[in-house]
């Protein structure tokens, strides 16, 4: 399963969900679904913007969670 780590990154950077939504300049509901891993896809443009806003790389945001593994 592919997992989006935005919440974890925000926590590491001591930033809020509100800060993220404001800086992403997107719809709250769409970004909230993305952060809660309730979405089935992501555009490369969105991923690129997330990387710029969070100052990280795509591999920091998207990880593969293996079945039966406790690692994310």
PDB file of N, CA and C in Angstrom:
ATOM      1  N   UNK A   1       0.840  -1.180   0.000  1.00  0.00           N
ATOM      2  CA  UNK A   1       0.000   0.000   0.000  1.00  0.00           C
ATOM      3  C   UNK A   1       0.886   1.245   0.000  1.00  0.00           C
ATOM      4  N   UNK A   2       0.567   2.184  -0.842  1.00  0.00           N
ATOM      5  CA  UNK A   2       1.303   3.450  -0.891  1.00  0.00           C
ATOM      6  C   UNK A   2       0.698   4.380   0.151  1.00  0.00           C
ATOM      7  N   UNK A   3       1.566   5.026   0.906  1.00  0.00           N
ATOM      8  CA  UNK A   3       1.158   5.835   2.052  1.00  0.00           C
ATOM      9  C   UNK A   3       1.727   7.250   1.922  1.00  0.00           C
ATOM     10  N   UNK A   4       0.902   8.247   2.164  1.00  0.00           N
ATOM     11  CA  UNK A   4       1.322   9.650   2.125  1.00  0.00           C
ATOM     12  C   UNK A   4       1.671  10.086   3.545  1.00  0.00           C
ATOM     13  N   UNK A   5       2.880  10.604   3.756  1.00  0.00           N
ATOM     14  CA  UNK A   5       3.382  10.944   5.086  1.00  0.00           C
ATOM     15  C   UNK A   5       3.291  12.436   5.428  1.00  0.00           C
ATOM     16  N   UNK A   6       2.355  13.156   4.885  1.00  0.00           N
ATOM     17  CA  UNK A   6       2.288  14.598   5.116  1.00  0.00           C
ATOM     18  C   UNK A   6       2.111  14.916   6.607  1.00  0.00           C
ATOM     19  N   UNK A   7       1.218  14.219   7.281  1.00  0.00           N
ATOM     20  CA  UNK A   7       0.991  14.487   8.709  1.00  0.00           C
ATOM     21  C   UNK A   7       2.266  14.305   9.519  1.00  0.00           C
ATOM     22  N   UNK A   8       3.004  13.251   9.234  1.00  0.00           N
ATOM     23  CA  UNK A   8       4.245  12.991   9.957  1.00  0.00           C
ATOM     24  C   UNK A   8       5.293  14.079   9.695  1.00  0.00           C
ATOM     25  N   UNK A   9       5.381  14.498   8.431  1.00  0.00           N
ATOM     26  CA  UNK A   9       6.344  15.550   8.073  1.00  0.00           C
ATOM     27  C   UNK A   9       5.976  16.860   8.758  1.00  0.00           C
ATOM     28  N   UNK A  10       4.691  17.194   8.767  1.00  0.00           N
ATOM     29  CA  UNK A  10       4.251  18.417   9.453  1.00  0.00           C
ATOM     30  C   UNK A  10       4.602  18.357  10.936  1.00  0.00           C
ATOM     31  N   UNK A  11       4.400  17.211  11.540  1.00  0.00           N
ATOM     32  CA  UNK A  11       4.718  17.052  12.960  1.00  0.00           C
ATOM     33  C   UNK A  11       6.223  17.216  13.203  1.00  0.00           C
ATOM     34  N   UNK A  12       7.038  16.598  12.341  1.00  0.00           N
ATOM     35  CA  UNK A  12       8.497  16.718  12.447  1.00  0.00           C
ATOM     36  C   UNK A  12       8.944  18.170  12.309  1.00  0.00           C
ATOM     37  N   UNK A  13       8.269  18.910  11.430  1.00  0.00           N
ATOM     38  CA  UNK A  13       8.633  20.307  11.169  1.00  0.00           C
ATOM     39  C   UNK A  13       7.903  21.283  12.094  1.00  0.00           C
ATOM     40  N   UNK A  14       7.069  20.739  13.003  1.00  0.00           N
ATOM     41  CA  UNK A  14       6.298  21.552  13.946  1.00  0.00           C
ATOM     42  C   UNK A  14       5.425  22.583  13.222  1.00  0.00           C
ATOM     43  N   UNK A  15       4.728  22.088  12.185  1.00  0.00           N
ATOM     44  CA  UNK A  15       3.820  22.928  11.413  1.00  0.00           C
ATOM     45  C   UNK A  15       2.422  22.324  11.485  1.00  0.00           C
ATOM     46  N   UNK A  16       1.411  23.150  11.243  1.00  0.00           N
ATOM     47  CA  UNK A  16       0.026  22.703  11.379  1.00  0.00           C
ATOM     48  C   UNK A  16      -0.593  22.351  10.030  1.00  0.00           C
ATOM     49  N   UNK A  17      -1.706  21.638  10.110  1.00  0.00           N
ATOM     50  CA  UNK A  17      -2.488  21.316   8.929  1.00  0.00           C
ATOM     51  C   UNK A  17      -2.978  22.615   8.275  1.00  0.00           C
ATOM     52  N   UNK A  18      -3.374  23.578   9.096  1.00  0.00           N
ATOM     53  CA  UNK A  18      -3.818  24.874   8.584  1.00  0.00           C
ATOM     54  C   UNK A  18      -2.700  25.535   7.780  1.00  0.00           C
ATOM     55  N   UNK A  19      -1.487  25.522   8.296  1.00  0.00           N
ATOM     56  CA  UNK A  19      -0.331  26.103   7.603  1.00  0.00           C
ATOM     57  C   UNK A  19      -0.151  25.432   6.244  1.00  0.00           C
ATOM     58  N   UNK A  20      -0.243  24.106   6.247  1.00  0.00           N
ATOM     59  CA  UNK A  20      -0.058  23.341   5.014  1.00  0.00           C
ATOM     60  C   UNK A  20      -1.114  23.703   3.971  1.00  0.00           C
ATOM     61  N   UNK A  21      -2.379  23.705   4.363  1.00  0.00           N
ATOM     62  CA  UNK A  21      -3.469  24.013   3.434  1.00  0.00           C
ATOM     63  C   UNK A  21      -3.317  25.433   2.887  1.00  0.00           C
ATOM     64  N   UNK A  22      -2.988  26.380   3.752  1.00  0.00           N
ATOM     65  CA  UNK A  22      -2.814  27.773   3.334  1.00  0.00           C
ATOM     66  C   UNK A  22      -1.674  27.903   2.316  1.00  0.00           C
ATOM     67  N   UNK A  23      -0.557  27.231   2.572  1.00  0.00           N
ATOM     68  CA  UNK A  23       0.599  27.327   1.677  1.00  0.00           C
ATOM     69  C   UNK A  23       0.433  26.523   0.394  1.00  0.00           C
ATOM     70  N   UNK A  24      -0.384  25.498   0.435  1.00  0.00           N
ATOM     71  CA  UNK A  24      -0.655  24.719  -0.779  1.00  0.00           C
ATOM     72  C   UNK A  24      -1.642  25.438  -1.681  1.00  0.00           C
ATOM     73  N   UNK A  25      -2.417  26.372  -1.127  1.00  0.00           N
ATOM     74  CA  UNK A  25      -3.394  27.151  -1.889  1.00  0.00           C
ATOM     75  C   UNK A  25      -4.384  26.247  -2.621  1.00  0.00           C
ATOM     76  N   UNK A  26      -4.790  25.173  -1.949  1.00  0.00           N
ATOM     77  CA  UNK A  26      -5.747  24.250  -2.556  1.00  0.00           C
ATOM     78  C   UNK A  26      -6.991  24.144  -1.707  1.00  0.00           C
ATOM     79  N   UNK A  27      -7.882  23.304  -2.118  1.00  0.00           N
ATOM     80  CA  UNK A  27      -9.106  23.086  -1.376  1.00  0.00           C
ATOM     81  C   UNK A  27      -8.844  22.300  -0.101  1.00  0.00           C
ATOM     82  N   UNK A  28      -9.459  22.744   0.985  1.00  0.00           N
ATOM     83  CA  UNK A  28      -9.248  22.090   2.276  1.00  0.00           C
ATOM     84  C   UNK A  28      -9.642  20.619   2.222  1.00  0.00           C
ATOM     85  N   UNK A  29     -10.805  20.327   1.655  1.00  0.00           N
ATOM     86  CA  UNK A  29     -11.295  18.950   1.659  1.00  0.00           C
ATOM     87  C   UNK A  29     -10.376  18.026   0.859  1.00  0.00           C
ATOM     88  N   UNK A  30      -9.934  18.444  -0.302  1.00  0.00           N
ATOM     89  CA  UNK A  30      -9.057  17.618  -1.134  1.00  0.00           C
ATOM     90  C   UNK A  30      -7.728  17.365  -0.430  1.00  0.00           C
ATOM     91  N   UNK A  31      -7.149  18.397   0.178  1.00  0.00           N
ATOM     92  CA  UNK A  31      -5.875  18.228   0.876  1.00  0.00           C
ATOM     93  C   UNK A  31      -6.045  17.398   2.146  1.00  0.00           C
ATOM     94  N   UNK A  32      -7.168  17.553   2.806  1.00  0.00           N
ATOM     95  CA  UNK A  32      -7.443  16.767   4.002  1.00  0.00           C
ATOM     96  C   UNK A  32      -7.549  15.281   3.646  1.00  0.00           C
ATOM     97  N   UNK A  33      -8.237  14.973   2.550  1.00  0.00           N
ATOM     98  CA  UNK A  33      -8.338  13.579   2.099  1.00  0.00           C
ATOM     99  C   UNK A  33      -6.960  13.030   1.752  1.00  0.00           C
ATOM    100  N   UNK A  34      -6.145  13.850   1.122  1.00  0.00           N
ATOM    101  CA  UNK A  34      -4.782  13.436   0.772  1.00  0.00           C
ATOM    102  C   UNK A  34      -3.983  13.121   2.031  1.00  0.00           C
ATOM    103  N   UNK A  35      -4.069  13.995   3.020  1.00  0.00           N
ATOM    104  CA  UNK A  35      -3.325  13.810   4.264  1.00  0.00           C
ATOM    105  C   UNK A  35      -3.811  12.590   5.043  1.00  0.00           C
ATOM    106  N   UNK A  36      -5.097  12.265   4.903  1.00  0.00           N
ATOM    107  CA  UNK A  36      -5.678  11.123   5.611  1.00  0.00           C
ATOM    108  C   UNK A  36      -5.599   9.835   4.794  1.00  0.00           C
ATOM    109  N   UNK A  37      -4.882   9.877   3.670  1.00  0.00           N
ATOM    110  CA  UNK A  37      -4.721   8.718   2.789  1.00  0.00           C
ATOM    111  C   UNK A  37      -6.058   8.171   2.311  1.00  0.00           C
ATOM    112  N   UNK A  38      -6.979   9.085   2.016  1.00  0.00           N
ATOM    113  CA  UNK A  38      -8.297   8.706   1.508  1.00  0.00           C
ATOM    114  C   UNK A  38      -8.449   9.122   0.047  1.00  0.00           C
ATOM    115  N   UNK A  39      -7.351   9.082  -0.670  1.00  0.00           N
ATOM    116  CA  UNK A  39      -7.373   9.442  -2.081  1.00  0.00           C
ATOM    117  C   UNK A  39      -6.741   8.314  -2.880  1.00  0.00           C
ATOM    118  N   UNK A  40      -7.111   8.189  -4.130  1.00  0.00           N
ATOM    119  CA  UNK A  40      -6.596   7.079  -4.934  1.00  0.00           C
ATOM    120  C   UNK A  40      -5.493   7.495  -5.898  1.00  0.00           C
ATOM    121  N   UNK A  41      -5.182   8.782  -5.952  1.00  0.00           N
ATOM    122  CA  UNK A  41      -4.142   9.223  -6.868  1.00  0.00           C
ATOM    123  C   UNK A  41      -3.661  10.622  -6.533  1.00  0.00           C
ATOM    124  N   UNK A  42      -2.540  10.990  -7.145  1.00  0.00           N
ATOM    125  CA  UNK A  42      -1.979  12.322  -6.932  1.00  0.00           C
ATOM    126  C   UNK A  42      -1.317  12.781  -8.233  1.00  0.00           C
ATOM    127  N   UNK A  43      -1.525  14.017  -8.596  1.00  0.00           N
ATOM    128  CA  UNK A  43      -0.895  14.579  -9.787  1.00  0.00           C
ATOM    129  C   UNK A  43       0.556  14.931  -9.468  1.00  0.00           C
ATOM    130  N   UNK A  44       1.412  14.804 -10.461  1.00  0.00           N
ATOM    131  CA  UNK A  44       2.817  15.165 -10.276  1.00  0.00           C
ATOM    132  C   UNK A  44       2.963  16.636  -9.882  1.00  0.00           C
ATOM    133  N   UNK A  45       2.100  17.499 -10.424  1.00  0.00           N
ATOM    134  CA  UNK A  45       2.153  18.913 -10.075  1.00  0.00           C
ATOM    135  C   UNK A  45       1.871  19.118  -8.584  1.00  0.00           C
ATOM    136  N   UNK A  46       0.913  18.357  -8.043  1.00  0.00           N
ATOM    137  CA  UNK A  46       0.586  18.447  -6.619  1.00  0.00           C
ATOM    138  C   UNK A  46       1.751  17.939  -5.786  1.00  0.00           C
ATOM    139  N   UNK A  47       2.333  16.827  -6.194  1.00  0.00           N
ATOM    140  CA  UNK A  47       3.481  16.270  -5.471  1.00  0.00           C
ATOM    141  C   UNK A  47       4.649  17.252  -5.481  1.00  0.00           C
ATOM    142  N   UNK A  48       4.903  17.876  -6.626  1.00  0.00           N
ATOM    143  CA  UNK A  48       5.984  18.856  -6.728  1.00  0.00           C
ATOM    144  C   UNK A  48       5.735  20.044  -5.798  1.00  0.00           C
ATOM    145  N   UNK A  49       4.503  20.528  -5.762  1.00  0.00           N
ATOM    146  CA  UNK A  49       4.171  21.658  -4.893  1.00  0.00           C
ATOM    147  C   UNK A  49       4.315  21.270  -3.418  1.00  0.00           C
ATOM    148  N   UNK A  50       3.893  20.047  -3.074  1.00  0.00           N
ATOM    149  CA  UNK A  50       4.049  19.566  -1.699  1.00  0.00           C
ATOM    150  C   UNK A  50       5.531  19.545  -1.318  1.00  0.00           C
ATOM    151  N   UNK A  51       6.369  19.098  -2.232  1.00  0.00           N
ATOM    152  CA  UNK A  51       7.815  19.064  -1.976  1.00  0.00           C
ATOM    153  C   UNK A  51       8.374  20.467  -1.748  1.00  0.00           C
ATOM    154  N   UNK A  52       7.904  21.431  -2.549  1.00  0.00           N
ATOM    155  CA  UNK A  52       8.378  22.811  -2.373  1.00  0.00           C
ATOM    156  C   UNK A  52       7.907  23.378  -1.045  1.00  0.00           C
ATOM    157  N   UNK A  53       6.625  23.173  -0.718  1.00  0.00           N
ATOM    158  CA  UNK A  53       6.053  23.721   0.517  1.00  0.00           C
ATOM    159  C   UNK A  53       6.708  23.094   1.747  1.00  0.00           C
ATOM    160  N   UNK A  54       6.926  21.779   1.696  1.00  0.00           N
ATOM    161  CA  UNK A  54       7.487  21.071   2.856  1.00  0.00           C
ATOM    162  C   UNK A  54       9.017  20.986   2.829  1.00  0.00           C
ATOM    163  N   UNK A  55       9.633  21.496   1.761  1.00  0.00           N
ATOM    164  CA  UNK A  55      11.079  21.467   1.584  1.00  0.00           C
ATOM    165  C   UNK A  55      11.625  20.048   1.758  1.00  0.00           C
ATOM    166  N   UNK A  56      11.110  19.147   0.915  1.00  0.00           N
ATOM    167  CA  UNK A  56      11.539  17.753   0.985  1.00  0.00           C
ATOM    168  C   UNK A  56      11.506  17.136  -0.412  1.00  0.00           C
ATOM    169  N   UNK A  57      11.781  15.855  -0.484  1.00  0.00           N
ATOM    170  CA  UNK A  57      11.796  15.117  -1.738  1.00  0.00           C
ATOM    171  C   UNK A  57      10.562  14.215  -1.824  1.00  0.00           C
ATOM    172  N   UNK A  58      10.172  13.797  -3.040  1.00  0.00           N
ATOM    173  CA  UNK A  58       9.003  12.922  -3.179  1.00  0.00           C
ATOM    174  C   UNK A  58       9.091  11.653  -2.329  1.00  0.00           C
ATOM    175  N   UNK A  59      10.281  11.086  -2.203  1.00  0.00           N
ATOM    176  CA  UNK A  59      10.467   9.874  -1.399  1.00  0.00           C
ATOM    177  C   UNK A  59      10.255  10.095   0.088  1.00  0.00           C
ATOM    178  N   UNK A  60      10.285  11.357   0.522  1.00  0.00           N
ATOM    179  CA  UNK A  60       9.987  11.667   1.926  1.00  0.00           C
ATOM    180  C   UNK A  60       8.481  11.658   2.157  1.00  0.00           C
ATOM    181  N   UNK A  61       7.726  11.976   1.118  1.00  0.00           N
ATOM    182  CA  UNK A  61       6.268  12.098   1.220  1.00  0.00           C
ATOM    183  C   UNK A  61       5.573  10.767   0.953  1.00  0.00           C
ATOM    184  N   UNK A  62       5.991  10.083  -0.096  1.00  0.00           N
ATOM    185  CA  UNK A  62       5.331   8.843  -0.498  1.00  0.00           C
ATOM    186  C   UNK A  62       6.204   7.658  -0.113  1.00  0.00           C
ATOM    187  N   UNK A  63       5.620   6.759   0.658  1.00  0.00           N
ATOM    188  CA  UNK A  63       6.323   5.532   1.040  1.00  0.00           C
ATOM    189  C   UNK A  63       5.406   4.342   0.779  1.00  0.00           C
ATOM    190  N   UNK A  64       6.011   3.189   0.687  1.00  0.00           N
ATOM    191  CA  UNK A  64       5.230   1.968   0.480  1.00  0.00           C
ATOM    192  C   UNK A  64       5.195   1.219   1.799  1.00  0.00           C
ATOM    193  N   UNK A  65       3.997   0.991   2.260  1.00  0.00           N
ATOM    194  CA  UNK A  65       3.791   0.257   3.507  1.00  0.00           C
ATOM    195  C   UNK A  65       3.457  -1.178   3.128  1.00  0.00           C
ATOM    196  N   UNK A  66       4.293  -2.099   3.573  1.00  0.00           N
ATOM    197  CA  UNK A  66       4.076  -3.499   3.236  1.00  0.00           C
ATOM    198  C   UNK A  66       3.073  -4.137   4.169  1.00  0.00           C
ATOM    199  N   UNK A  67       2.284  -5.021   3.634  1.00  0.00           N
ATOM    200  CA  UNK A  67       1.281  -5.713   4.420  1.00  0.00           C
ATOM    201  C   UNK A  67       1.940  -6.448   5.573  1.00  0.00           C
ATOM    202  N   UNK A  68       1.359  -6.297   6.762  1.00  0.00           N
ATOM    203  CA  UNK A  68       1.872  -6.981   7.937  1.00  0.00           C
ATOM    204  C   UNK A  68       3.077  -6.323   8.564  1.00  0.00           C
ATOM    205  N   UNK A  69       3.508  -5.185   8.008  1.00  0.00           N
ATOM    206  CA  UNK A  69       4.655  -4.469   8.542  1.00  0.00           C
ATOM    207  C   UNK A  69       4.195  -3.301   9.391  1.00  0.00           C
ATOM    208  N   UNK A  70       4.896  -3.042  10.464  1.00  0.00           N
ATOM    209  CA  UNK A  70       4.563  -1.891  11.309  1.00  0.00           C
ATOM    210  C   UNK A  70       5.279  -0.644  10.842  1.00  0.00           C
ATOM    211  N   UNK A  71       6.218  -0.779   9.899  1.00  0.00           N
ATOM    212  CA  UNK A  71       6.942   0.380   9.356  1.00  0.00           C
ATOM    213  C   UNK A  71       6.101   1.078   8.310  1.00  0.00           C
ATOM    214  N   UNK A  72       6.204   2.410   8.285  1.00  0.00           N
ATOM    215  CA  UNK A  72       5.461   3.193   7.294  1.00  0.00           C
ATOM    216  C   UNK A  72       6.387   3.706   6.245  1.00  0.00           C
TER     217      UNK A  72
END
